[in-house]
Protein backbone atom coordinates (compact mmCIF):
# COMPACT_ATOMS: atom_id res chain seq x y z
CA MET A 1 -21.82 104.42 141.03
CA PRO A 2 -19.12 102.35 139.28
CA ASP A 3 -16.07 104.36 138.24
CA ALA A 4 -16.43 103.45 134.56
CA VAL A 5 -20.02 104.72 134.48
CA PHE A 6 -19.05 107.90 136.34
CA ARG A 7 -16.20 108.63 133.89
CA LYS A 8 -18.45 107.99 130.88
CA ALA A 9 -21.18 110.28 132.27
CA LYS A 10 -18.64 112.99 133.05
CA ALA A 11 -17.16 112.79 129.54
CA LYS A 12 -20.60 112.88 127.90
CA ALA A 13 -21.62 115.90 129.99
CA ALA A 14 -18.43 117.74 129.01
CA GLU A 15 -19.02 116.81 125.36
CA ARG A 16 -22.47 118.41 125.56
CA GLY A 17 -21.21 121.45 127.48
CA GLN A 18 -23.19 120.59 130.62
CA SER A 19 -22.25 120.19 134.20
CA LEU A 20 -22.30 116.62 135.50
CA LYS A 21 -25.16 117.57 137.84
CA ASP A 22 -27.29 118.91 134.95
CA PHE A 23 -26.49 115.88 132.79
CA VAL A 24 -27.44 113.38 135.50
CA THR A 25 -30.60 115.35 136.36
CA GLU A 26 -31.68 115.34 132.71
CA ALA A 27 -30.92 111.63 132.35
CA LEU A 28 -32.92 110.77 135.46
CA ARG A 29 -35.88 112.87 134.33
CA GLU A 30 -35.91 111.13 130.94
CA LYS A 31 -35.63 107.71 132.52
CA LEU A 32 -38.39 108.39 135.04
CA SER A 33 -40.75 109.88 132.44
CA GLY A 34 -40.35 106.91 130.11
CA ARG A 35 -38.76 108.98 127.32
CA GLY A 36 -35.37 107.38 127.84
CA THR A 37 -33.84 104.81 125.60
CA ALA A 38 -35.69 101.60 124.94
CA PRO A 39 -34.75 98.56 126.99
CA VAL A 40 -31.80 96.62 125.70
CA ALA A 41 -32.95 93.85 123.40
CA HIS A 42 -31.77 90.40 124.30
CA GLY A 43 -30.57 87.95 121.70
CA PRO A 44 -28.56 88.38 118.51
CA ALA A 45 -28.44 91.73 116.73
CA TRP A 46 -30.08 90.32 113.60
CA MET A 47 -33.28 89.59 115.59
CA ARG A 48 -33.87 93.20 116.69
CA GLY A 49 -35.75 94.09 113.50
CA PHE A 50 -38.29 91.29 113.78
CA GLY A 51 -41.81 92.52 114.46
CA LYS A 52 -41.16 96.11 113.39
CA LEU A 53 -43.70 95.86 110.54
CA ARG A 54 -46.41 94.31 112.71
CA ALA A 55 -48.64 97.37 112.21
CA LEU A 56 -48.78 96.65 108.46
CA LYS A 57 -50.17 93.12 108.89
CA LYS A 58 -53.78 93.93 107.94
CA GLY A 59 -52.77 96.00 104.93
CA THR A 60 -50.43 93.29 103.72
CA ALA A 61 -53.19 90.71 104.04
CA LYS A 62 -55.56 92.90 101.98
CA ILE A 63 -52.98 93.31 99.24
CA GLN A 64 -52.23 89.58 99.19
CA CYS A 65 -55.96 88.84 98.92
CA ARG A 66 -56.24 91.12 95.87
CA ILE A 67 -53.18 89.51 94.28
CA ASP A 68 -54.67 86.05 94.85
CA GLU A 69 -57.96 87.17 93.29
CA GLU A 70 -56.27 88.53 90.18
CA PHE A 71 -53.56 85.95 89.63
CA GLY A 72 -55.30 82.91 91.07
CA VAL A 73 -57.54 82.56 88.03
CA VAL A 74 -56.07 80.77 85.03
CA GLU A 75 -58.01 81.32 81.88
CA PRO A 76 -58.64 78.35 79.55
CA GLY A 77 -55.89 78.02 76.96
CA HIS A 78 -53.46 80.13 78.97
CA PHE A 79 -50.79 77.43 79.15
CA ASP A 80 -51.37 75.90 75.70
CA SER A 81 -48.29 77.62 74.29
CA VAL A 82 -45.99 76.53 77.15
CA PRO A 83 -44.10 73.33 76.31
CA GLY A 84 -44.26 70.55 78.87
CA VAL A 85 -47.44 71.78 80.59
CA ARG A 86 -50.37 69.40 80.41
CA ARG A 87 -53.96 70.35 81.04
CA ALA A 88 -55.58 68.70 84.00
CA ARG A 89 -58.66 66.70 83.18
CA TRP A 90 -61.31 67.33 85.80
């Protein structure tokens, strides 16, 4: 084990009031069970948040569909009072 890692582990164990053996045992159990920290993300820090709202994709699409239904319809005469807007002749 590199000296820097050993010193950091020893300091963290002391900070938590644990022996180094208990601290390392707990860390290994967490790592082996998959409850440990997430893998380190590669790339710039600003990219780490991308994809976090992926689970909301269907709900967002439903809301956007409703917005398009409501606001996509322009009633006749709606823009008559707006200067510079011409009516399209179909």
